[in-house]
């Protein structure tokens, strides 16, 4: 796999880990009340979506468990339709789907030869 593709995948993993850290040990109500947390999570979701947009089809096929299209779609919503963002969906993405992305990418990187 090309170095730029590996770099993009690392960007996704780093942003996903940060999202997980931002919502760790807080409730959905706390998240809804904290615009700073919301902004931080949505910014990282934008980064995830943008990074996935630059992955080629070969890379996507290597990691078929990742929902690349949905990640890009979420980025488009938080970046372009920001006035209509549903915080329940953002919360669910951050607390359910992002940990799944982390697990898939951590497993992928663990199976790669060292640099």
N, C-alpha and C. Protein backbone atom coordinates (compact mmCIF):
# COMPACT_ATOMS: atom_id res chain seq x y z
N UNK A 1 0.85 -1.17 0.00
CA UNK A 1 0.00 0.00 0.00
C UNK A 1 0.90 1.24 0.00
N UNK A 2 0.51 2.24 -0.74
CA UNK A 2 1.31 3.45 -0.87
C UNK A 2 1.35 4.23 0.46
N UNK A 3 2.45 4.93 0.65
CA UNK A 3 2.67 5.67 1.90
C UNK A 3 1.59 6.71 2.15
N UNK A 4 1.13 7.39 1.10
CA UNK A 4 0.10 8.40 1.32
C UNK A 4 -1.21 7.77 1.79
N UNK A 5 -1.48 6.57 1.32
CA UNK A 5 -2.70 5.87 1.76
C UNK A 5 -2.58 5.45 3.22
N UNK A 6 -1.42 4.96 3.59
CA UNK A 6 -1.17 4.60 4.99
C UNK A 6 -1.30 5.85 5.86
N UNK A 7 -0.77 6.97 5.39
CA UNK A 7 -0.87 8.22 6.13
C UNK A 7 -2.31 8.65 6.35
N UNK A 8 -3.12 8.50 5.31
CA UNK A 8 -4.54 8.86 5.45
C UNK A 8 -5.24 7.96 6.46
N UNK A 9 -4.93 6.68 6.42
CA UNK A 9 -5.52 5.75 7.39
C UNK A 9 -5.07 6.09 8.81
N UNK A 10 -3.82 6.49 8.96
CA UNK A 10 -3.35 6.91 10.29
C UNK A 10 -4.07 8.17 10.75
N UNK A 11 -4.36 9.08 9.81
CA UNK A 11 -5.14 10.27 10.15
C UNK A 11 -6.52 9.90 10.66
N UNK A 12 -7.14 8.93 9.99
CA UNK A 12 -8.47 8.47 10.41
C UNK A 12 -8.38 7.89 11.82
N UNK A 13 -7.41 7.05 12.06
CA UNK A 13 -7.27 6.43 13.38
C UNK A 13 -6.99 7.47 14.46
N UNK A 14 -6.12 8.41 14.19
CA UNK A 14 -5.81 9.45 15.17
C UNK A 14 -7.06 10.28 15.50
N UNK A 15 -7.79 10.69 14.47
CA UNK A 15 -9.01 11.48 14.70
C UNK A 15 -10.05 10.66 15.45
N UNK A 16 -10.18 9.38 15.11
CA UNK A 16 -11.15 8.52 15.79
C UNK A 16 -10.78 8.34 17.26
N UNK A 17 -9.50 8.17 17.53
CA UNK A 17 -9.07 8.05 18.93
C UNK A 17 -9.38 9.33 19.71
N UNK A 18 -9.19 10.47 19.07
CA UNK A 18 -9.50 11.74 19.74
C UNK A 18 -10.99 11.87 20.01
N UNK A 19 -11.82 11.48 19.05
CA UNK A 19 -13.27 11.51 19.28
C UNK A 19 -13.61 10.65 20.49
N UNK A 20 -13.06 9.46 20.53
CA UNK A 20 -13.33 8.56 21.66
C UNK A 20 -12.89 9.19 22.98
N UNK A 21 -11.76 9.86 22.96
CA UNK A 21 -11.28 10.52 24.18
C UNK A 21 -12.18 11.68 24.59
N UNK A 22 -12.69 12.42 23.61
CA UNK A 22 -13.55 13.56 23.91
C UNK A 22 -14.86 13.16 24.58
N UNK A 23 -15.36 11.98 24.26
CA UNK A 23 -16.66 11.56 24.82
C UNK A 23 -16.52 10.55 25.95
N UNK A 24 -15.30 10.21 26.28
CA UNK A 24 -15.07 9.25 27.36
C UNK A 24 -15.56 9.84 28.69
N UNK A 25 -16.28 9.03 29.41
CA UNK A 25 -16.73 9.37 30.77
C UNK A 25 -17.68 10.56 30.82
N UNK A 26 -18.38 10.86 29.72
CA UNK A 26 -19.43 11.87 29.79
C UNK A 26 -20.74 11.25 29.31
N UNK A 27 -21.82 11.83 29.74
CA UNK A 27 -23.13 11.33 29.32
C UNK A 27 -23.57 12.07 28.05
N UNK A 28 -24.59 11.54 27.43
CA UNK A 28 -25.14 12.22 26.26
C UNK A 28 -25.66 13.60 26.65
N UNK A 29 -26.26 13.71 27.81
CA UNK A 29 -26.76 15.01 28.27
C UNK A 29 -25.62 16.01 28.44
N UNK A 30 -24.50 15.54 28.99
CA UNK A 30 -23.33 16.41 29.14
C UNK A 30 -22.80 16.84 27.77
N UNK A 31 -22.79 15.92 26.84
CA UNK A 31 -22.35 16.23 25.48
C UNK A 31 -23.25 17.29 24.85
N UNK A 32 -24.54 17.10 25.00
CA UNK A 32 -25.51 18.06 24.42
C UNK A 32 -25.37 19.45 25.04
N UNK A 33 -24.95 19.51 26.29
CA UNK A 33 -24.82 20.79 26.98
C UNK A 33 -23.47 21.47 26.75
N UNK A 34 -22.56 20.79 26.10
CA UNK A 34 -21.19 21.30 25.97
C UNK A 34 -20.86 21.53 24.49
N UNK A 35 -21.01 22.77 24.05
CA UNK A 35 -20.75 23.07 22.64
C UNK A 35 -19.28 22.88 22.27
N UNK A 36 -18.41 23.04 23.24
CA UNK A 36 -16.98 22.82 22.97
C UNK A 36 -16.73 21.35 22.61
N UNK A 37 -17.31 20.44 23.37
CA UNK A 37 -17.20 19.01 23.05
C UNK A 37 -17.81 18.72 21.69
N UNK A 38 -18.98 19.28 21.43
CA UNK A 38 -19.64 19.06 20.14
C UNK A 38 -18.74 19.53 19.00
N UNK A 39 -18.19 20.73 19.14
CA UNK A 39 -17.33 21.27 18.10
C UNK A 39 -16.10 20.39 17.88
N UNK A 40 -15.50 19.92 18.96
CA UNK A 40 -14.31 19.08 18.86
C UNK A 40 -14.62 17.77 18.15
N UNK A 41 -15.71 17.14 18.54
CA UNK A 41 -16.11 15.87 17.92
C UNK A 41 -16.43 16.07 16.45
N UNK A 42 -17.20 17.10 16.14
CA UNK A 42 -17.58 17.31 14.74
C UNK A 42 -16.37 17.67 13.88
N UNK A 43 -15.42 18.39 14.42
CA UNK A 43 -14.21 18.70 13.66
C UNK A 43 -13.46 17.42 13.32
N UNK A 44 -13.33 16.54 14.29
CA UNK A 44 -12.62 15.27 14.04
C UNK A 44 -13.40 14.39 13.07
N UNK A 45 -14.72 14.44 13.12
CA UNK A 45 -15.51 13.68 12.14
C UNK A 45 -15.29 14.24 10.73
N UNK A 46 -15.11 15.55 10.63
CA UNK A 46 -14.77 16.14 9.34
C UNK A 46 -13.43 15.61 8.83
N UNK A 47 -12.47 15.54 9.72
CA UNK A 47 -11.14 15.04 9.34
C UNK A 47 -11.22 13.59 8.89
N UNK A 48 -11.96 12.78 9.62
CA UNK A 48 -12.14 11.38 9.23
C UNK A 48 -12.74 11.28 7.83
N UNK A 49 -13.80 12.02 7.60
CA UNK A 49 -14.45 11.98 6.29
C UNK A 49 -13.58 12.49 5.17
N UNK A 50 -12.83 13.55 5.44
CA UNK A 50 -11.95 14.10 4.41
C UNK A 50 -10.82 13.13 4.09
N UNK A 51 -10.25 12.52 5.11
CA UNK A 51 -9.17 11.54 4.88
C UNK A 51 -9.68 10.36 4.06
N UNK A 52 -10.87 9.89 4.37
CA UNK A 52 -11.40 8.73 3.63
C UNK A 52 -11.71 9.08 2.18
N UNK A 53 -12.02 10.35 1.92
CA UNK A 53 -12.30 10.77 0.54
C UNK A 53 -11.07 10.65 -0.35
N UNK A 54 -9.90 10.64 0.25
CA UNK A 54 -8.65 10.58 -0.51
C UNK A 54 -8.07 9.16 -0.58
N UNK A 55 -8.82 8.19 -0.11
CA UNK A 55 -8.37 6.80 -0.21
C UNK A 55 -8.78 6.23 -1.56
N UNK A 56 -7.86 5.49 -2.16
CA UNK A 56 -8.20 4.88 -3.45
C UNK A 56 -8.98 3.58 -3.24
N UNK A 57 -9.51 3.09 -4.31
CA UNK A 57 -10.36 1.90 -4.24
C UNK A 57 -9.59 0.68 -3.74
N UNK A 58 -8.34 0.57 -4.10
CA UNK A 58 -7.52 -0.56 -3.63
C UNK A 58 -7.41 -0.55 -2.11
N UNK A 59 -7.17 0.61 -1.55
CA UNK A 59 -7.07 0.73 -0.09
C UNK A 59 -8.40 0.39 0.56
N UNK A 60 -9.47 0.88 -0.01
CA UNK A 60 -10.79 0.60 0.55
C UNK A 60 -11.10 -0.90 0.53
N UNK A 61 -10.65 -1.57 -0.47
CA UNK A 61 -10.90 -3.01 -0.57
C UNK A 61 -10.08 -3.80 0.44
N UNK A 62 -8.93 -3.26 0.85
CA UNK A 62 -8.09 -3.94 1.83
C UNK A 62 -8.76 -3.95 3.21
N UNK A 63 -9.58 -2.93 3.48
CA UNK A 63 -10.26 -2.81 4.78
C UNK A 63 -11.76 -2.70 4.54
N UNK A 64 -12.39 -3.77 4.11
CA UNK A 64 -13.81 -3.70 3.74
C UNK A 64 -14.76 -3.48 4.92
N UNK A 65 -14.29 -3.65 6.14
CA UNK A 65 -15.16 -3.47 7.31
C UNK A 65 -15.43 -2.01 7.64
N UNK A 66 -14.68 -1.11 7.04
CA UNK A 66 -14.90 0.31 7.33
C UNK A 66 -15.97 0.88 6.41
N UNK A 67 -16.89 1.65 6.98
CA UNK A 67 -17.97 2.25 6.19
C UNK A 67 -17.53 3.58 5.55
N UNK A 68 -16.66 3.49 4.55
CA UNK A 68 -16.06 4.68 3.97
C UNK A 68 -17.10 5.68 3.47
N UNK A 69 -18.10 5.20 2.81
CA UNK A 69 -19.13 6.09 2.26
C UNK A 69 -19.87 6.83 3.38
N UNK A 70 -20.17 6.12 4.45
CA UNK A 70 -20.87 6.75 5.58
C UNK A 70 -19.96 7.77 6.29
N UNK A 71 -18.67 7.45 6.38
CA UNK A 71 -17.75 8.39 7.02
C UNK A 71 -17.67 9.68 6.20
N UNK A 72 -17.61 9.55 4.90
CA UNK A 72 -17.59 10.72 4.03
C UNK A 72 -18.93 11.48 4.13
N UNK A 73 -20.02 10.76 4.16
CA UNK A 73 -21.33 11.38 4.28
C UNK A 73 -21.48 12.16 5.57
N UNK A 74 -20.97 11.62 6.66
CA UNK A 74 -21.04 12.32 7.94
C UNK A 74 -20.24 13.61 7.87
N UNK A 75 -19.10 13.57 7.24
CA UNK A 75 -18.29 14.77 7.06
C UNK A 75 -19.07 15.83 6.30
N UNK A 76 -19.73 15.42 5.25
CA UNK A 76 -20.49 16.38 4.44
C UNK A 76 -21.62 17.02 5.24
N UNK A 77 -22.25 16.24 6.10
CA UNK A 77 -23.34 16.78 6.92
C UNK A 77 -22.81 17.80 7.91
N UNK A 78 -21.77 17.46 8.67
CA UNK A 78 -21.30 18.39 9.70
C UNK A 78 -20.61 19.60 9.09
N UNK A 79 -20.04 19.46 7.90
CA UNK A 79 -19.36 20.59 7.27
C UNK A 79 -20.31 21.50 6.49
N UNK A 80 -21.28 20.91 5.82
CA UNK A 80 -22.12 21.70 4.91
C UNK A 80 -23.55 21.92 5.39
N UNK A 81 -24.06 21.01 6.19
CA UNK A 81 -25.44 21.13 6.67
C UNK A 81 -25.43 21.33 8.19
N UNK A 82 -24.44 22.09 8.65
CA UNK A 82 -24.19 22.25 10.08
C UNK A 82 -25.38 22.76 10.87
N UNK A 83 -26.25 23.52 10.23
CA UNK A 83 -27.41 24.06 10.94
C UNK A 83 -28.44 22.98 11.29
N UNK A 84 -28.36 21.86 10.59
CA UNK A 84 -29.32 20.79 10.80
C UNK A 84 -28.70 19.52 11.38
N UNK A 85 -27.54 19.65 11.98
CA UNK A 85 -26.87 18.48 12.56
C UNK A 85 -27.69 17.95 13.73
N UNK A 86 -27.93 16.66 13.72
CA UNK A 86 -28.67 15.99 14.78
C UNK A 86 -27.66 15.49 15.82
N UNK A 87 -27.66 16.10 16.99
CA UNK A 87 -26.68 15.74 18.01
C UNK A 87 -26.83 14.30 18.50
N UNK A 88 -28.02 13.74 18.40
CA UNK A 88 -28.21 12.33 18.76
C UNK A 88 -27.41 11.45 17.82
N UNK A 89 -27.43 11.77 16.53
CA UNK A 89 -26.66 11.00 15.55
C UNK A 89 -25.17 11.19 15.80
N UNK A 90 -24.74 12.42 16.05
CA UNK A 90 -23.32 12.67 16.34
C UNK A 90 -22.89 11.87 17.56
N UNK A 91 -23.72 11.88 18.61
CA UNK A 91 -23.41 11.11 19.82
C UNK A 91 -23.28 9.62 19.51
N UNK A 92 -24.24 9.09 18.75
CA UNK A 92 -24.20 7.67 18.41
C UNK A 92 -22.96 7.33 17.58
N UNK A 93 -22.63 8.18 16.65
CA UNK A 93 -21.42 7.96 15.84
C UNK A 93 -20.20 7.96 16.75
N UNK A 94 -20.12 8.95 17.63
CA UNK A 94 -18.95 9.08 18.51
C UNK A 94 -18.81 7.94 19.50
N UNK A 95 -19.92 7.44 20.00
CA UNK A 95 -19.85 6.43 21.08
C UNK A 95 -20.00 4.99 20.60
N UNK A 96 -20.57 4.79 19.43
CA UNK A 96 -20.77 3.43 18.92
C UNK A 96 -19.88 3.15 17.70
N UNK A 97 -19.97 4.00 16.70
CA UNK A 97 -19.30 3.71 15.43
C UNK A 97 -17.81 4.06 15.43
N UNK A 98 -17.45 5.13 16.08
CA UNK A 98 -16.03 5.51 16.12
C UNK A 98 -15.20 4.44 16.84
N UNK A 99 -15.63 3.89 17.96
CA UNK A 99 -14.85 2.81 18.57
C UNK A 99 -14.69 1.60 17.64
N UNK A 100 -15.70 1.33 16.82
CA UNK A 100 -15.59 0.25 15.84
C UNK A 100 -14.52 0.57 14.80
N UNK A 101 -14.49 1.81 14.34
CA UNK A 101 -13.46 2.24 13.38
C UNK A 101 -12.08 2.08 14.00
N UNK A 102 -11.94 2.51 15.25
CA UNK A 102 -10.66 2.36 15.95
C UNK A 102 -10.23 0.89 15.99
N UNK A 103 -11.14 0.02 16.35
CA UNK A 103 -10.81 -1.40 16.47
C UNK A 103 -10.36 -1.98 15.13
N UNK A 104 -11.07 -1.65 14.07
CA UNK A 104 -10.72 -2.16 12.74
C UNK A 104 -9.34 -1.65 12.32
N UNK A 105 -9.09 -0.36 12.49
CA UNK A 105 -7.81 0.20 12.07
C UNK A 105 -6.66 -0.25 12.96
N UNK A 106 -6.90 -0.41 14.25
CA UNK A 106 -5.85 -0.91 15.13
C UNK A 106 -5.46 -2.33 14.73
N UNK A 107 -6.44 -3.13 14.39
CA UNK A 107 -6.16 -4.49 13.93
C UNK A 107 -5.39 -4.45 12.61
N UNK A 108 -5.81 -3.58 11.70
CA UNK A 108 -5.12 -3.44 10.42
C UNK A 108 -3.66 -3.06 10.64
N UNK A 109 -3.40 -2.03 11.44
CA UNK A 109 -2.03 -1.58 11.64
C UNK A 109 -1.19 -2.61 12.40
N UNK A 110 -1.80 -3.36 13.28
CA UNK A 110 -1.08 -4.41 14.00
C UNK A 110 -0.61 -5.51 13.06
N UNK A 111 -1.33 -5.67 11.94
CA UNK A 111 -0.97 -6.73 10.97
C UNK A 111 0.04 -6.26 9.93
N UNK A 112 0.37 -4.96 9.96
CA UNK A 112 1.30 -4.40 8.96
C UNK A 112 2.73 -4.57 9.44
N UNK A 113 3.64 -4.75 8.49
CA UNK A 113 5.05 -4.79 8.89
C UNK A 113 5.50 -3.42 9.42
N UNK A 114 6.46 -3.40 10.34
CA UNK A 114 6.92 -2.11 10.86
C UNK A 114 7.54 -1.27 9.76
N UNK A 115 7.50 0.06 9.96
CA UNK A 115 8.04 0.99 8.95
C UNK A 115 9.50 0.79 8.72
